[in-house]
Structure formats: structure tokens, C-alpha cells
Amino acid sequence: MDFTKMIEEAIFARNNRTYTPYSNFKVGACVMMEDGSLYSGGNIENSSYGATNCAERTAIFKAISEGKKKIKAIAIVADQEDVFPCGICRQVIREFSDDAEIIIASSINKYEIYTINDLLPNSFTNKNMGVKKDV
């Protein structure tokens, strides 16, 4: 799969859709849903640090709020190389995918591909709760 468009959108989000007055650490993400639709977002900080939202969750929540329910892939771009999703973001990715590809990019031509299973093995899912859903 060609991830160029996703990485471009993640770079744009990092450069233009973040709010990082405290850390100045900018992260952008672009999520591709099962139907091929793309949603992007940046990290949004808050003076009460617990209210901060990561770029990955910003993009995913935009998609979910538009009725999309299954993640196919997500591209993540930060100010530094090799920035991976935090634990909370990994759990949110898992909630909406069993096999999402996660693209950790530093540029359009330099990236690594992982799966959610690589980054969150043996994870807690709806199956642990006895809940069946279509994801």
C-alpha cells in the first residue's frame, strides 16, 4: 500500500493543526478507515496536562464521530524520529481494529510499518468483557 498521502496529511497536521504551548512537541497523525477515508489531527495540549489529547486520538475520534468504525492504518509524524503512540493511543487503536498498520514516519520516504499486534500484544479487548461487536 502507498502511504504517501497519509504521511503528507500527518505532516500537514503536525505543522498546522497542533496546539503545543507547553511542550512545543508537535505530533501529527492521519488515520485511514476501512472505506479508505482519511482523517487527520494534531496533538492538543492543556495547562491541566491530563486534559491533553494526542494526535492519534484526535484523528481517530474525528473519524469515529463521522460514523466510521474500523481503522485500516494510521500514520504518525513528530518533531523527532521514531515517535510511537502512547499506551492510551495504542488501546484506542486496538478498540477499532484487530490488525491496523501503524506507520511511524519521519518523512514521506522514511518510515517503518508495524501492526497494532506488534505494539500492543496480548491486549485487553471487548472479547475479554464478553462483548461482541462489529469491528
Protein backbone atom coordinates (compact mmCIF):
# COMPACT_ATOMS: atom_id res chain seq x y z
CA MET A 1 0.00 0.00 0.00
CA ASP A 2 1.22 3.52 -0.77
CA PHE A 3 1.19 5.57 2.42
CA THR A 4 2.36 8.83 0.78
CA LYS A 5 -0.96 10.69 1.09
CA MET A 6 -1.38 9.63 4.73
CA ILE A 7 2.13 10.75 5.64
CA GLU A 8 1.60 14.08 3.82
CA GLU A 9 -1.61 14.63 5.80
CA ALA A 10 0.13 13.74 9.06
CA ILE A 11 2.95 16.19 8.27
CA PHE A 12 0.41 18.90 7.47
CA ALA A 13 -1.41 18.21 10.74
CA ARG A 14 1.87 18.34 12.69
CA ASN A 15 2.77 21.67 11.10
CA ASN A 16 -0.68 23.30 11.15
CA ARG A 17 -3.14 21.57 13.49
CA THR A 18 -1.38 21.30 16.82
CA TYR A 19 -1.67 23.32 20.00
CA THR A 20 1.54 22.79 21.96
CA PRO A 21 2.34 25.92 24.03
CA TYR A 22 3.80 23.89 26.93
CA SER A 23 6.00 21.23 25.35
CA ASN A 24 6.31 22.64 21.82
CA PHE A 25 6.44 18.94 20.82
CA LYS A 26 4.30 18.70 17.71
CA VAL A 27 2.77 15.42 16.51
CA GLY A 28 0.50 14.86 13.53
CA ALA A 29 -1.49 11.78 12.62
CA CYS A 30 -3.63 10.60 9.74
CA VAL A 31 -5.93 7.61 10.10
CA MET A 32 -7.30 5.60 7.19
CA MET A 33 -10.57 3.90 7.87
CA GLU A 34 -11.78 0.65 6.30
CA ASP A 35 -13.57 2.51 3.48
CA GLY A 36 -10.38 4.44 2.56
CA SER A 37 -11.48 7.74 4.11
CA LEU A 38 -8.74 9.81 5.77
CA TYR A 39 -8.94 11.90 8.94
CA SER A 40 -6.03 13.87 10.37
CA GLY A 41 -5.29 15.69 13.58
CA GLY A 42 -2.59 17.12 15.78
CA ASN A 43 -1.85 16.91 19.47
CA ILE A 44 -3.71 19.43 21.61
CA GLU A 45 -2.21 20.34 24.97
CA ASN A 46 -3.88 21.80 28.03
CA SER A 47 -2.47 23.54 31.10
CA SER A 48 -4.04 20.68 33.04
CA TYR A 49 -1.82 18.06 31.41
CA GLY A 50 -4.31 15.24 31.90
CA ALA A 51 -6.70 17.02 29.53
CA THR A 52 -4.16 16.88 26.69
CA ASN A 53 -5.14 14.85 23.64
CA CYS A 54 -2.67 13.05 21.40
CA ALA A 55 -2.67 13.46 17.61
CA GLU A 56 -3.61 9.83 17.08
CA ARG A 57 -6.72 10.08 19.23
CA THR A 58 -7.67 13.42 17.68
CA ALA A 59 -7.65 11.84 14.20
CA ILE A 60 -9.39 8.64 15.34
CA PHE A 61 -12.11 10.47 17.27
CA LYS A 62 -12.82 12.66 14.23
CA ALA A 63 -13.37 9.50 12.17
CA ILE A 64 -15.50 7.78 14.81
CA SER A 65 -17.63 10.92 15.22
CA GLU A 66 -18.34 10.72 11.48
CA GLY A 67 -19.66 7.16 11.79
CA LYS A 68 -16.53 5.24 10.77
CA LYS A 69 -15.75 2.27 12.98
CA LYS A 70 -12.78 0.28 11.62
CA ILE A 71 -9.21 1.51 11.33
CA LYS A 72 -7.12 0.20 8.45
CA ALA A 73 -3.94 2.21 9.08
CA ILE A 74 -2.59 5.25 10.91
CA ALA A 75 0.46 7.39 10.06
CA ILE A 76 2.25 9.28 12.81
CA VAL A 77 4.80 12.07 12.33
CA ALA A 78 6.53 14.00 15.12
CA ASP A 79 9.29 16.56 15.50
CA GLN A 80 11.69 13.69 16.21
CA GLU A 81 12.23 10.34 14.54
CA ASP A 82 10.79 7.11 15.90
CA VAL A 83 7.96 8.54 17.98
CA PHE A 84 5.47 5.78 18.74
CA PRO A 85 1.88 6.05 20.02
CA CYS A 86 1.46 6.18 23.79
CA GLY A 87 -0.26 3.34 25.63
CA ILE A 88 -3.65 5.05 25.67
CA CYS A 89 -3.49 5.65 21.90
CA ARG A 90 -2.49 2.02 21.33
CA GLN A 91 -5.53 0.89 23.30
CA VAL A 92 -7.80 3.23 21.29
CA ILE A 93 -6.34 1.89 18.02
CA ARG A 94 -7.00 -1.64 19.30
CA GLU A 95 -10.61 -0.76 20.11
CA PHE A 96 -11.29 -0.01 16.45
CA SER A 97 -9.04 -2.58 14.76
CA ASP A 98 -7.66 -6.06 15.15
CA ASP A 99 -4.95 -5.58 12.53
CA ALA A 100 -4.27 -1.88 11.89
CA GLU A 101 -0.99 -0.94 10.26
CA ILE A 102 0.90 1.79 12.11
CA ILE A 103 3.26 3.90 10.04
CA ILE A 104 5.94 5.66 12.07
CA ALA A 105 7.31 8.29 9.70
CA SER A 106 9.97 10.98 9.77
CA SER A 107 9.37 11.94 6.13
CA ILE A 108 7.43 10.76 3.09
CA ASN A 109 10.30 8.47 2.11
CA LYS A 110 11.45 7.37 5.55
CA TYR A 111 9.07 5.28 7.60
CA GLU A 112 8.59 1.93 9.32
CA ILE A 113 5.41 -0.15 9.37
CA TYR A 114 4.17 -2.04 12.41
CA THR A 115 0.86 -3.61 13.31
CA ILE A 116 -1.19 -2.97 16.42
CA ASN A 117 -0.31 -6.55 17.42
CA ASP A 118 3.40 -5.62 17.27
CA LEU A 119 2.87 -2.60 19.50
CA LEU A 120 0.21 -3.98 21.85
CA PRO A 121 0.49 -7.76 22.09
CA ASN A 122 -1.90 -9.69 24.31
CA SER A 123 -4.08 -6.63 24.66
CA PHE A 124 -7.33 -6.21 26.53
CA THR A 125 -10.28 -6.16 24.12
CA ASN A 126 -14.05 -6.34 24.05
CA LYS A 127 -13.71 -10.14 23.95
CA ASN A 128 -12.29 -10.04 27.48
CA MET A 129 -15.50 -8.35 28.57
CA GLY A 130 -17.75 -10.87 26.82
CA VAL A 131 -18.95 -8.20 24.39
CA LYS A 132 -19.36 -8.94 20.71
CA LYS A 133 -19.24 -6.07 18.24
CA ASP A 134 -18.54 -5.47 14.59
CA VAL A 135 -15.01 -4.09 14.46
